[in-house]
Amino acid sequence: ISRSQGPEISYAGASALVIGVDYENQESIRKVLDEYKIDTIISTLSGHGFITCQEILLRAGLSVPSFRRFVPSEFAIDSERVTPTVKLYQIKLPILASLRQVKQERPDTFEYSLINCGVFMNYLGFGNTKSEGHKAHGHLASFPYIFDLSKKTADIPGDGEKQIVYTRAEDVGKFTAAATQLETWEEHLDMAGDVLTMNEMVRLLEEIRGEKFSVKRNSREEILARMSSSDSEGFMQNFHEEFFLAFVDGCCDISRPINLNKLVDVKPITVRQYLEQWWG
């Protein structure tokens, strides 16, 4: 379902309808879920009305007999661990409270899971000049994050010894689809295409590109000094710096086993494989 009607999406010999709904109208959503006997809702909502629309989506599902599973819009780094530092991620918390309440009320008939994938590997494709280099982005917005291979620069939070989890967007889709076929869900389903320290990343990037990178390692004090004192000015800059702080403070550290890789038969691409494909 989408905010607007669209043509069928075709991929790998299969297709899916795109049905327009009003995300602020619970009945509009309920009718579609009921008509197609939907049992699993996977939310990828963002932007305007994020808190309200996810709640309405959940409530619409709960009024449909076939519905039994919900995935909130996470798909990055565990929001509960980073919200003390990353203010924007606080909007992800209300739906988690609602999901836990529903689970208490319906322990035998309802499941939810928070699916996390770390950083999208596709951001490493920014600036690729190959003839089909745009495909490196995997339909994501194109911008560099921490590492800019086109300029051979690395802007690293901390001393570089913190690990970073990477998963290619296309593999995130494969993992998520495979998770829907599991008989039972854990509260957290974590995936990874690769896990490296940022210093290991620098060495790998230099190997693939065949040149040294210009590397800046940012201390906690330097990150704090760059942050704006106003919430309205430099909002996105602060968001970027807050995530740097989260890395430095250990909020992005791997805190539990990466379980989804073991639960499903998906073989994700590694960072080395991705880099060799697009930058080798």
Foldseek 3Di string as FASTA:
>chain_A
DACDFDCWDDDPHDTDGRDHFDLQDLVRLLVVCQVVLDAEEEDQDDDPPLLNSVVSNVVSLVVHPSYAEYEHNDAAFDLVLQCVQQVVSVSVPPVVVVLVVVCVVCVPRHDYAYEYQHAALLQQLAPFDPPVSVCSNVPDDHHHAQAHLNQQAGEAQAPQQFKTFYFHPVLSVVLVVQVVPDPDDDRYAYAGLDIDGRVVVQVLSCVLQVHHGHYDYDYLVRLVVPDDPDCVPCVVVSSSSSVSVCRVVVSRHDDDDNPSPVVGPGNTHHSNRSCNVRRD
